[in-house]
Amino acid sequence: MMFWHIALAAIFGLVLGLAAAWDLCTGEILNRYAVLLLGLGAVHLLIKGCSWNSLGDCLAGSGVAAGLMLVIALINDGFGGGDIKLVGAGGFYLGFIPSLFALLLSCLIAAAAWIILRQRGKATLSTKMKYGPCYAIGAVISAILCFV
């Protein structure tokens, strides 16, 4: 059973890494990455034991994470639709608490990256950061810390 958890976690990291690389290169996050993460979340749910509590945890992780991102996007246009879908799908895989932890980590990573860029003179207050790579790192760290 542990083998499947590790295999799914590795695929989760791979899909997030691909989404992050695509986001860096094109400024877009394709729907296929969110669909793959939702599929991984469904398989993960089946492996954990498909109970109402597990399903509720997955749905809460997805809904709350994507909902927070949507509110921020509507308030100040801070995130794109691809970011929202990626975070929602990642939240379905992670569950409620790990998805909130991933959001917190990814925001801290984005802030640290912006500070470094600012110190090097490559960012201003109006600089838009690519959020996909920051979320990918935060979600993988969250998955490792919360599932191991």
Protein backbone atom coordinates (compact mmCIF):
# COMPACT_ATOMS: atom_id res chain seq x y z
CA MET A 1 0.00 0.00 0.00
CA MET A 2 2.84 2.39 0.83
CA PHE A 3 4.27 1.89 -2.66
CA TRP A 4 1.13 3.40 -4.21
CA HIS A 5 1.24 6.44 -1.94
CA ILE A 6 4.87 7.07 -2.90
CA ALA A 7 4.17 6.48 -6.60
CA LEU A 8 1.20 8.88 -6.55
CA ALA A 9 3.24 11.49 -4.68
CA ALA A 10 5.99 11.22 -7.30
CA ILE A 11 3.48 11.64 -10.13
CA PHE A 12 1.88 14.56 -8.24
CA GLY A 13 5.29 16.27 -8.07
CA LEU A 14 5.99 15.52 -11.73
CA VAL A 15 2.68 16.98 -12.92
CA LEU A 16 3.18 20.08 -10.77
CA GLY A 17 6.73 20.42 -12.09
CA LEU A 18 5.50 20.25 -15.68
CA ALA A 19 2.79 22.83 -14.95
CA ALA A 20 5.38 25.10 -13.31
CA ALA A 21 7.78 24.80 -16.25
CA TRP A 22 4.98 25.52 -18.73
CA ASP A 23 3.88 28.53 -16.66
CA LEU A 24 7.43 29.92 -16.63
CA CYS A 25 7.82 29.48 -20.38
CA THR A 26 4.41 30.60 -21.61
CA GLY A 27 2.67 32.39 -18.75
CA GLU A 28 -0.20 29.87 -18.94
CA ILE A 29 -1.23 26.79 -17.00
CA LEU A 30 -2.97 24.31 -19.28
CA ASN A 31 -6.20 22.59 -18.23
CA ARG A 32 -4.61 19.17 -18.75
CA TYR A 33 -2.45 19.65 -15.66
CA ALA A 34 -5.50 20.35 -13.48
CA VAL A 35 -7.31 17.35 -14.98
CA LEU A 36 -4.31 15.11 -14.28
CA LEU A 37 -4.18 16.34 -10.68
CA LEU A 38 -7.92 15.69 -10.25
CA GLY A 39 -7.40 12.16 -11.57
CA LEU A 40 -4.53 11.62 -9.16
CA GLY A 41 -6.72 12.92 -6.37
CA ALA A 42 -9.44 10.41 -7.29
CA VAL A 43 -6.94 7.54 -7.28
CA HIS A 44 -5.48 8.80 -4.01
CA LEU A 45 -8.99 8.89 -2.56
CA LEU A 46 -9.60 5.28 -3.59
CA ILE A 47 -6.30 4.15 -2.08
CA LYS A 48 -7.00 5.95 1.21
CA GLY A 49 -10.38 4.28 1.39
CA CYS A 50 -13.28 6.06 -0.20
CA SER A 51 -15.34 7.18 2.78
CA TRP A 52 -17.58 10.22 3.11
CA ASN A 53 -15.01 11.80 5.43
CA SER A 54 -12.20 11.33 2.91
CA LEU A 55 -14.32 12.67 0.08
CA GLY A 56 -15.34 15.66 2.21
CA ASP A 57 -11.70 16.35 3.03
CA CYS A 58 -10.76 16.29 -0.67
CA LEU A 59 -13.67 18.52 -1.64
CA ALA A 60 -12.94 20.95 1.20
CA GLY A 61 -9.28 21.13 0.19
CA SER A 62 -10.22 21.85 -3.38
CA GLY A 63 -13.05 24.27 -2.69
CA VAL A 64 -11.42 26.33 0.03
CA ALA A 65 -8.07 26.63 -1.76
CA ALA A 66 -9.61 27.55 -5.11
CA GLY A 67 -12.14 29.81 -3.38
CA LEU A 68 -9.42 31.79 -1.61
CA MET A 69 -7.54 32.19 -4.87
CA LEU A 70 -10.71 33.28 -6.68
CA VAL A 71 -11.45 35.95 -4.06
CA ILE A 72 -7.92 37.34 -4.38
CA ALA A 73 -8.17 37.25 -8.18
CA LEU A 74 -11.46 39.15 -8.11
CA ILE A 75 -10.19 41.76 -5.64
CA ASN A 76 -6.94 42.72 -7.34
CA ASP A 77 -6.41 40.54 -10.43
CA GLY A 78 -3.54 38.83 -8.63
CA PHE A 79 -4.00 35.33 -10.06
CA GLY A 80 -5.06 33.93 -13.39
CA GLY A 81 -7.64 31.25 -14.04
CA GLY A 82 -4.99 28.59 -14.57
CA ASP A 83 -3.55 29.27 -11.12
CA ILE A 84 -7.00 28.91 -9.56
CA LYS A 85 -7.68 25.61 -11.36
CA LEU A 86 -4.24 24.23 -10.50
CA VAL A 87 -4.63 25.10 -6.81
CA GLY A 88 -8.15 23.64 -6.74
CA ALA A 89 -7.03 20.39 -8.32
CA GLY A 90 -3.97 20.22 -6.08
CA GLY A 91 -6.22 20.81 -3.09
CA PHE A 92 -8.36 17.84 -4.12
CA TYR A 93 -5.29 15.62 -4.03
CA LEU A 94 -3.90 17.07 -0.80
CA GLY A 95 -7.05 17.48 1.28
CA PHE A 96 -8.11 20.37 3.50
CA ILE A 97 -5.25 21.06 5.94
CA PRO A 98 -2.38 20.16 3.57
CA SER A 99 -3.87 22.37 0.83
CA LEU A 100 -4.01 25.35 3.20
CA PHE A 101 -0.42 24.63 4.22
CA ALA A 102 0.57 24.47 0.54
CA LEU A 103 -1.08 27.86 -0.08
CA LEU A 104 0.76 29.39 2.88
CA LEU A 105 4.10 27.95 1.77
CA SER A 106 3.61 29.01 -1.83
CA CYS A 107 2.80 32.58 -0.81
CA LEU A 108 5.93 32.67 1.37
CA ILE A 109 8.00 31.27 -1.52
CA ALA A 110 6.54 33.86 -3.91
CA ALA A 111 7.30 36.65 -1.42
CA ALA A 112 10.87 35.42 -0.95
CA ALA A 113 11.37 35.20 -4.74
CA TRP A 114 10.00 38.74 -5.16
CA ILE A 115 12.33 40.08 -2.44
CA ILE A 116 15.33 38.46 -4.12
CA LEU A 117 14.30 39.87 -7.51
CA ARG A 118 13.69 43.27 -5.94
CA GLN A 119 17.15 43.28 -4.36
CA ARG A 120 18.66 42.52 -7.76
CA GLY A 121 16.68 45.33 -9.37
CA LYS A 122 14.55 42.98 -11.49
CA ALA A 123 11.20 43.58 -9.77
CA THR A 124 9.07 46.52 -8.73
CA LEU A 125 5.85 46.75 -6.73
CA SER A 126 3.88 46.23 -9.93
CA THR A 127 5.84 43.15 -11.07
CA LYS A 128 3.60 40.14 -11.63
CA MET A 129 5.11 36.88 -10.43
CA LYS A 130 4.48 33.48 -11.98
CA TYR A 131 2.57 31.69 -9.24
CA GLY A 132 2.62 28.15 -10.74
CA PRO A 133 6.23 27.38 -9.76
CA CYS A 134 5.72 28.75 -6.25
CA TYR A 135 2.59 26.64 -5.79
CA ALA A 136 4.33 23.55 -7.18
CA ILE A 137 7.12 23.85 -4.62
CA GLY A 138 4.72 24.57 -1.76
CA ALA A 139 2.37 21.71 -2.67
CA VAL A 140 5.17 19.16 -2.98
CA ILE A 141 6.62 20.22 0.39
CA SER A 142 3.13 20.05 1.91
CA ALA A 143 2.57 16.57 0.47
CA ILE A 144 5.89 15.34 1.84
CA LEU A 145 5.37 16.81 5.30
CA CYS A 146 1.71 15.89 5.66
CA PHE A 147 1.75 12.39 4.20
CA VAL A 148 5.04 11.03 5.54
